[in-house]
Amino acid sequence: MKGISMFSSAGIGEIFFKDVGIELLAANELVERRANLYRSVHNKTNMIQGDILNEDVFSKFINSSPDKIDFLLASPPCQGMSVAGKNRNVQSMSNDERNYLIYKVIEAIRIKEPTYVLIENVPALLKLMLIYNGSLLTVQDILLNEFSNKYKIEAEVVDAADLGVPQTRKRAIIKMFKRGTSWTWPTTEEKKITVREAISHLPSLESGESSSIKWHFARKHDERHVLWMKHTPTGNSAFQNTIYFPKKEDGSRIKGYDTTYRRILWDEPAPTITIRNDAISSQRNVHPGRELKDGTYSDARVLTPLELMILNSIPEDWAIPDDTPEILIRQCIGESIPPLMLKKIIGEIN
């Protein structure tokens, strides 16, 4: 199948597309550094870098593949739909211009008439209300209004951990497939892959240490953060410590949520990897650690780039340039859909 990809970032979700018989002819990404990383990973795909709302960029993207294609992947930016750290209501989300990028997806579907379309985003996508012909409608209802005569349209929230990814990551998946074709939902795996099964083979590292394994190196952290985390057991937050808890220079306790300064668990899938996976103070980013003889815990650090790759189902031999900035890798992983998740969903096309 010949396909195109919109809002592609570094193309992490597309890593296994060849395995499911999809050749991506063209892709679009706004941010230049991510587009360049995409080109390194998918060097046979024509990456059109620029703002898809710019008509010249959109036209170039549309004209870079045949008139008719088989598959369209669209992952419109989700910042406008994210509810992390703030209370967003339906009206405020409907007023966020980033959410209206879905209309460029609709325009592309009209022009290219792909046999199959997959739109993915955070679960809030399915609750988002947008202005359409003077009314507030959900994205799925807008798509039904536009395309129900030609396509079957189905939507579900799918957890990556149910599809063999060692990470809990829920994504809204909207599938569109032309009437007369078939596309079922993948079967949930009976057993979830744990952090222990995924990354325990990698050597322990402390803050600032490196290893001989590519991309397995530890960020350098504030000494106070390291101290607090050394005294934090697996699965706990440093806020739960009686002595070595997060504190200010004057010794007073820092106020915060116990989802931060928190070690993840060994025997469950990893929590959702966020874009701020570089910070101990962010949500559930710290290595599980192993108890040492003195009662402290090893690996007082955030996960290494390699650990993040594995927990996101990226192959350990992911072929990206050696000089790729660490923060760029971390950001792209934090925003991506796990490639194994997409492989399992697209693999159900009949």
Protein backbone atom coordinates (compact mmCIF):
# COMPACT_ATOMS: atom_id res chain seq x y z
CA MET A 1 0.00 0.00 0.00
CA LYS A 2 1.14 3.53 -0.81
CA GLY A 3 0.61 6.05 1.97
CA ILE A 4 1.25 9.54 3.31
CA SER A 5 1.71 10.88 6.84
CA MET A 6 0.62 14.21 8.34
CA PHE A 7 2.05 15.80 11.51
CA SER A 8 4.79 13.17 11.42
CA SER A 9 7.32 14.45 13.99
CA ALA A 10 10.33 12.10 13.76
CA GLY A 11 8.28 9.23 12.33
CA ILE A 12 8.66 6.99 15.39
CA GLY A 13 5.21 5.47 15.00
CA GLU A 14 5.99 4.54 11.41
CA ILE A 15 9.06 2.41 12.15
CA PHE A 16 7.29 -0.90 11.45
CA PHE A 17 5.19 0.24 8.48
CA LYS A 18 7.17 -1.88 6.01
CA ASP A 19 6.31 -4.93 8.14
CA VAL A 20 2.61 -4.30 7.50
CA GLY A 21 3.03 -3.53 3.82
CA ILE A 22 2.90 0.25 3.78
CA GLU A 23 5.30 2.40 1.77
CA LEU A 24 5.12 6.03 2.84
CA LEU A 25 5.65 8.32 -0.13
CA ALA A 26 5.34 11.69 1.62
CA ALA A 27 5.24 13.16 5.11
CA ASN A 28 4.85 16.57 6.69
CA GLU A 29 6.29 18.03 9.89
CA LEU A 30 6.31 21.62 11.13
CA VAL A 31 9.52 21.65 13.22
CA GLU A 32 12.73 21.52 11.20
CA ARG A 33 14.85 19.52 13.66
CA ARG A 34 12.17 16.83 13.87
CA ALA A 35 11.75 16.80 10.09
CA ASN A 36 15.50 16.30 9.72
CA LEU A 37 15.42 13.38 12.16
CA TYR A 38 12.50 11.95 10.17
CA ARG A 39 14.62 12.13 7.02
CA SER A 40 17.35 10.16 8.77
CA VAL A 41 14.95 7.43 9.87
CA HIS A 42 12.82 7.29 6.70
CA ASN A 43 15.21 8.38 3.96
CA LYS A 44 12.99 7.11 1.13
CA THR A 45 10.00 9.22 2.18
CA ASN A 46 9.66 12.75 0.80
CA MET A 47 9.54 14.92 3.92
CA ILE A 48 7.82 18.26 3.32
CA GLN A 49 8.84 20.48 6.21
CA GLY A 50 6.70 23.48 7.07
CA ASP A 51 3.34 24.70 8.38
CA ILE A 52 0.57 22.60 6.83
CA LEU A 53 -1.75 25.61 7.21
CA ASN A 54 0.39 27.40 4.64
CA GLU A 55 -1.25 26.69 1.28
CA ASP A 56 2.08 26.38 -0.53
CA VAL A 57 3.28 23.76 1.99
CA PHE A 58 -0.04 21.90 1.86
CA SER A 59 -0.04 21.87 -1.95
CA LYS A 60 3.53 20.64 -2.07
CA PHE A 61 2.65 17.87 0.36
CA ILE A 62 -0.48 16.84 -1.58
CA ASN A 63 1.33 16.92 -4.93
CA SER A 64 4.27 14.84 -3.69
CA SER A 65 2.28 11.59 -4.03
CA PRO A 66 -0.09 10.14 -6.67
CA ASP A 67 -3.66 11.43 -7.01
CA LYS A 68 -5.01 8.38 -5.21
CA ILE A 69 -3.32 6.62 -2.29
CA ASP A 70 -4.11 3.61 -0.13
CA PHE A 71 -3.37 4.89 3.37
CA LEU A 72 -3.27 8.16 5.30
CA LEU A 73 -1.87 8.54 8.83
CA ALA A 74 -2.62 11.74 10.72
CA SER A 75 -1.41 12.65 14.20
CA PRO A 76 -2.44 16.30 14.62
CA PRO A 77 -0.71 18.07 17.53
CA CYS A 78 -2.42 17.34 20.83
CA GLN A 79 -1.26 20.22 23.04
CA GLY A 80 -4.63 21.91 22.68
CA MET A 81 -6.36 18.75 23.90
CA SER A 82 -4.02 17.83 26.73
CA VAL A 83 -5.54 18.13 30.18
CA ALA A 84 -2.29 17.43 32.05
CA GLY A 85 -1.64 20.08 34.66
CA LYS A 86 -4.69 22.19 33.85
CA ASN A 87 -8.46 22.03 33.82
CA ARG A 88 -9.64 22.30 30.24
CA ASN A 89 -13.34 22.37 29.44
CA VAL A 90 -15.01 21.57 26.15
CA GLN A 91 -15.48 25.21 25.22
CA SER A 92 -11.84 26.17 25.88
CA MET A 93 -10.62 23.23 23.82
CA SER A 94 -12.97 24.18 20.98
CA ASN A 95 -11.41 27.66 20.97
CA ASP A 96 -7.83 26.37 20.65
CA GLU A 97 -6.74 26.85 17.03
CA ARG A 98 -4.38 23.86 17.18
CA ASN A 99 -7.37 21.54 17.36
CA TYR A 100 -8.66 22.81 14.02
CA LEU A 101 -5.72 21.24 12.23
CA ILE A 102 -8.08 18.27 11.81
CA TYR A 103 -9.70 20.24 8.97
CA LYS A 104 -6.46 19.93 6.96
CA VAL A 105 -6.76 16.17 7.47
CA ILE A 106 -10.33 16.32 6.13
CA GLU A 107 -9.13 18.32 3.13
CA ALA A 108 -6.41 15.77 2.42
CA ILE A 109 -8.93 12.91 2.63
CA ARG A 110 -11.22 14.70 0.17
CA ILE A 111 -8.37 15.18 -2.32
CA LYS A 112 -6.52 11.86 -2.01
CA GLU A 113 -9.46 9.53 -1.23
CA PRO A 114 -7.32 6.96 0.63
CA THR A 115 -8.77 3.50 1.14
CA TYR A 116 -7.75 3.55 4.80
CA VAL A 117 -7.27 6.45 7.22
CA LEU A 118 -5.91 6.33 10.78
CA ILE A 119 -6.20 9.43 12.95
CA GLU A 120 -4.63 9.17 16.39
CA ASN A 121 -4.26 11.44 19.36
CA VAL A 122 -4.76 11.65 23.11
CA PRO A 123 -8.08 10.24 24.43
CA ALA A 124 -9.51 13.77 24.70
CA LEU A 125 -9.73 13.76 20.90
CA LEU A 126 -12.95 11.79 21.13
CA LYS A 127 -14.55 14.34 23.48
CA LEU A 128 -13.30 17.43 21.69
CA MET A 129 -16.08 19.65 20.32
CA LEU A 130 -15.34 21.80 17.29
CA ILE A 131 -17.40 24.35 15.41
CA TYR A 132 -18.79 22.75 12.25
CA ASN A 133 -21.43 24.46 10.10
CA GLY A 134 -22.43 26.64 13.04
CA SER A 135 -22.72 23.80 15.58
CA LEU A 136 -20.40 22.17 18.09
CA LEU A 137 -19.70 18.57 17.04
CA THR A 138 -17.21 15.89 18.01
CA VAL A 139 -14.43 15.06 15.58
CA GLN A 140 -16.02 11.68 14.87
CA ASP A 141 -19.39 13.30 14.09
CA ILE A 142 -17.70 15.79 11.77
CA LEU A 143 -16.03 12.92 9.93
CA LEU A 144 -19.36 11.07 9.73
CA ASN A 145 -21.02 14.16 8.27
CA GLU A 146 -18.28 14.47 5.68
CA PHE A 147 -17.56 10.87 4.73
CA SER A 148 -20.17 8.38 6.00
CA ASN A 149 -21.42 7.74 2.47
CA LYS A 150 -17.98 6.42 1.41
CA TYR A 151 -16.34 5.22 4.65
CA LYS A 152 -17.06 3.21 7.74
CA ILE A 153 -15.78 5.21 10.70
CA GLU A 154 -14.93 3.65 14.05
CA ALA A 155 -13.25 5.06 17.15
CA GLU A 156 -11.83 3.58 20.33
CA VAL A 157 -9.39 4.45 23.09
CA VAL A 158 -6.62 1.84 22.92
CA ASP A 159 -3.93 1.20 25.54
CA ALA A 160 -0.50 0.37 24.11
CA ALA A 161 0.10 -1.99 27.06
CA ASP A 162 -2.73 -4.18 25.77
CA LEU A 163 -0.89 -4.64 22.47
CA GLY A 164 2.49 -5.81 23.74
CA VAL A 165 4.14 -2.45 24.45
CA PRO A 166 5.86 -2.28 27.89
CA GLN A 167 4.21 1.08 28.56
CA THR A 168 0.73 2.20 29.54
CA ARG A 169 -0.15 4.74 26.88
CA LYS A 170 -3.77 5.37 25.93
CA ARG A 171 -4.48 6.82 22.50
CA ALA A 172 -7.68 7.69 20.72
CA ILE A 173 -7.76 5.83 17.42
CA ILE A 174 -10.18 6.80 14.66
CA LYS A 175 -10.24 4.33 11.77
CA MET A 176 -11.81 5.12 8.41
CA PHE A 177 -12.04 2.48 5.73
CA LYS A 178 -13.93 2.50 2.47
CA ARG A 179 -17.18 0.60 2.32
CA GLY A 180 -16.56 -2.86 0.91
CA THR A 181 -13.23 -3.22 2.74
CA SER A 182 -12.52 -4.63 6.21
CA TRP A 183 -10.44 -3.43 9.15
CA THR A 184 -10.94 -5.11 12.53
CA TRP A 185 -9.56 -4.11 15.93
CA PRO A 186 -6.55 -6.02 17.29
CA THR A 187 -6.99 -8.59 20.05
CA THR A 188 -5.82 -7.60 23.53
CA GLU A 189 -2.72 -9.50 24.62
CA GLU A 190 -3.33 -11.83 27.57
CA LYS A 191 -0.07 -10.84 29.30
CA LYS A 192 1.33 -7.35 29.63
CA ILE A 193 5.07 -6.78 29.21
CA THR A 194 6.67 -5.34 32.36
CA VAL A 195 9.52 -2.90 32.85
CA ARG A 196 11.59 -5.75 34.29
CA GLU A 197 11.10 -7.87 31.18
CA ALA A 198 11.91 -4.94 28.92
CA ILE A 199 14.98 -3.20 30.42
CA SER A 200 16.38 -5.16 33.40
CA HIS A 201 19.12 -6.60 31.17
CA LEU A 202 20.73 -3.16 30.91
CA PRO A 203 23.48 -2.27 33.40
CA SER A 204 22.78 0.07 36.31
CA LEU A 205 23.93 3.66 35.93
CA GLU A 206 24.10 6.55 38.33
CA SER A 207 23.68 10.24 37.57
CA GLY A 208 26.17 11.35 34.91
CA GLU A 209 27.51 7.84 34.17
CA SER A 210 27.86 6.29 30.72
CA SER A 211 28.07 2.74 29.42
CA SER A 212 29.52 1.07 26.34
CA ILE A 213 25.97 0.54 25.02
CA LYS A 214 24.74 3.09 22.48
CA TRP A 215 22.22 5.57 23.92
CA HIS A 216 22.49 4.01 27.40
CA PHE A 217 23.85 6.91 29.41
CA ALA A 218 22.49 8.75 32.45
CA ARG A 219 21.71 12.44 32.63
CA LYS A 220 23.57 14.51 35.19
CA HIS A 221 21.17 15.55 37.94
CA ASP A 222 21.16 18.02 40.81
CA GLU A 223 22.95 16.42 43.79
CA ARG A 224 19.97 17.09 46.04
CA HIS A 225 17.65 15.24 43.63
CA VAL A 226 20.07 12.31 43.54
CA LEU A 227 20.20 12.20 47.35
CA TRP A 228 16.41 12.19 47.65
CA MET A 229 16.02 9.46 45.04
CA LYS A 230 18.75 7.27 46.53
CA HIS A 231 16.54 7.02 49.61
CA THR A 232 13.35 6.39 47.64
CA PRO A 233 12.24 2.74 47.20
CA THR A 234 10.97 1.29 43.94
CA GLY A 235 7.49 2.59 43.09
CA ASN A 236 7.61 5.38 45.70
CA SER A 237 7.90 9.14 45.54
CA ALA A 238 10.57 11.07 47.44
CA PHE A 239 7.66 13.05 48.92
CA GLN A 240 6.88 9.90 50.94
CA ASN A 241 10.32 9.90 52.61
CA THR A 242 10.54 10.95 56.27
CA ILE A 243 14.04 12.48 56.03
CA TYR A 244 15.22 12.71 52.43
CA PHE A 245 12.19 14.44 50.95
CA PRO A 246 12.24 17.32 48.43
CA LYS A 247 13.11 20.46 50.35
CA LYS A 248 14.12 24.06 49.75
CA GLU A 249 17.52 25.53 50.57
CA ASP A 250 16.21 26.51 54.01
CA GLY A 251 15.19 22.91 54.71
CA SER A 252 11.46 23.45 54.42
CA ARG A 253 9.41 20.88 52.53
CA ILE A 254 8.64 21.54 48.87
CA LYS A 255 4.95 21.18 48.05
CA GLY A 256 4.15 18.81 45.21
CA TYR A 257 2.31 15.77 43.96
CA ASP A 258 3.53 12.26 44.74
CA THR A 259 3.46 11.48 41.01
CA THR A 260 6.69 13.51 40.82
CA TYR A 261 10.16 12.58 42.13
CA ARG A 262 8.79 9.07 41.70
CA ARG A 263 10.39 5.76 40.76
CA ILE A 264 8.46 3.52 38.39
CA LEU A 265 7.65 -0.11 39.20
CA TRP A 266 9.54 -3.15 37.89
CA ASP A 267 6.63 -5.55 37.52
CA GLU A 268 4.14 -3.44 35.60
CA PRO A 269 4.29 -1.73 32.23
CA ALA A 270 5.94 1.69 32.45
CA PRO A 271 3.69 4.70 33.02
CA THR A 272 3.04 6.94 30.02
CA ILE A 273 6.30 8.52 28.86
CA THR A 274 5.86 12.31 28.85
CA ILE A 275 7.70 14.99 26.93
CA ARG A 276 9.50 16.03 30.17
CA ASN A 277 11.06 12.62 30.71
CA ASP A 278 14.42 14.32 31.28
CA ALA A 279 13.45 15.68 34.72
CA ILE A 280 13.40 13.80 38.03
CA SER A 281 10.86 16.36 39.22
CA SER A 282 8.43 15.48 36.43
CA GLN A 283 5.87 12.66 36.42
CA ARG A 284 7.00 9.05 37.07
CA ASN A 285 10.32 9.32 35.24
CA VAL A 286 12.80 7.74 37.63
CA HIS A 287 14.34 4.28 37.12
CA PRO A 288 12.90 1.61 39.47
CA GLY A 289 16.31 1.05 41.10
CA ARG A 290 17.62 -1.91 43.06
CA GLU A 291 18.02 -2.00 46.84
CA LEU A 292 21.67 -1.85 47.91
CA LYS A 293 23.33 -3.31 51.01
CA ASP A 294 23.24 0.04 52.81
CA GLY A 295 19.47 0.32 52.33
CA THR A 296 19.62 2.96 49.59
CA TYR A 297 18.56 2.37 46.00
CA SER A 298 20.59 2.36 42.79
CA ASP A 299 19.89 4.27 39.56
CA ALA A 300 18.86 7.59 41.11
CA ARG A 301 18.17 9.09 37.70
CA VAL A 302 15.63 9.38 34.93
CA LEU A 303 15.50 6.66 32.29
CA THR A 304 18.24 6.67 29.66
CA PRO A 305 17.40 7.31 25.99
CA LEU A 306 17.81 3.58 25.28
CA GLU A 307 15.49 2.58 28.13
CA LEU A 308 12.90 5.03 26.81
CA MET A 309 13.25 3.60 23.30
CA ILE A 310 12.70 0.05 24.51
CA LEU A 311 9.72 1.01 26.69
CA ASN A 312 8.22 2.73 23.64
CA SER A 313 8.76 -0.44 21.51
CA ILE A 314 11.47 1.20 19.41
CA PRO A 315 14.11 -1.32 18.28
CA GLU A 316 17.37 -1.15 20.25
CA ASP A 317 19.25 -0.69 16.97
CA TRP A 318 17.14 2.31 15.94
CA ALA A 319 19.18 3.84 13.14
CA ILE A 320 19.45 7.52 13.98
CA PRO A 321 22.56 9.71 13.62
CA ASP A 322 25.07 9.45 16.47
CA ASP A 323 24.97 13.22 16.95
CA THR A 324 21.20 13.39 17.47
CA PRO A 325 20.63 15.61 20.53
CA GLU A 326 19.48 13.69 23.59
CA ILE A 327 16.68 16.17 24.32
CA LEU A 328 15.34 15.83 20.77
CA ILE A 329 15.17 12.05 21.20
CA ARG A 330 13.41 12.43 24.53
CA GLN A 331 10.88 14.94 23.20
CA CYS A 332 10.04 12.91 20.11
CA ILE A 333 9.52 9.75 22.17
CA GLY A 334 7.36 11.65 24.67
CA GLU A 335 5.07 12.82 21.87
CA SER A 336 4.98 9.63 19.80
CA ILE A 337 2.61 6.72 19.43
CA PRO A 338 4.51 3.47 20.10
CA PRO A 339 5.39 1.85 16.76
CA LEU A 340 4.36 -1.64 17.88
CA MET A 341 0.94 -0.27 18.76
CA LEU A 342 0.47 1.11 15.24
CA LYS A 343 1.81 -2.10 13.74
CA LYS A 344 -0.76 -4.18 15.62
CA ILE A 345 -3.65 -1.87 14.65
CA ILE A 346 -2.71 -1.51 10.98
CA GLY A 347 -1.91 -5.21 10.77
CA GLU A 348 -5.64 -5.93 11.12
CA ILE A 349 -6.40 -4.45 7.70
CA ASN A 350 -7.86 -7.30 5.64
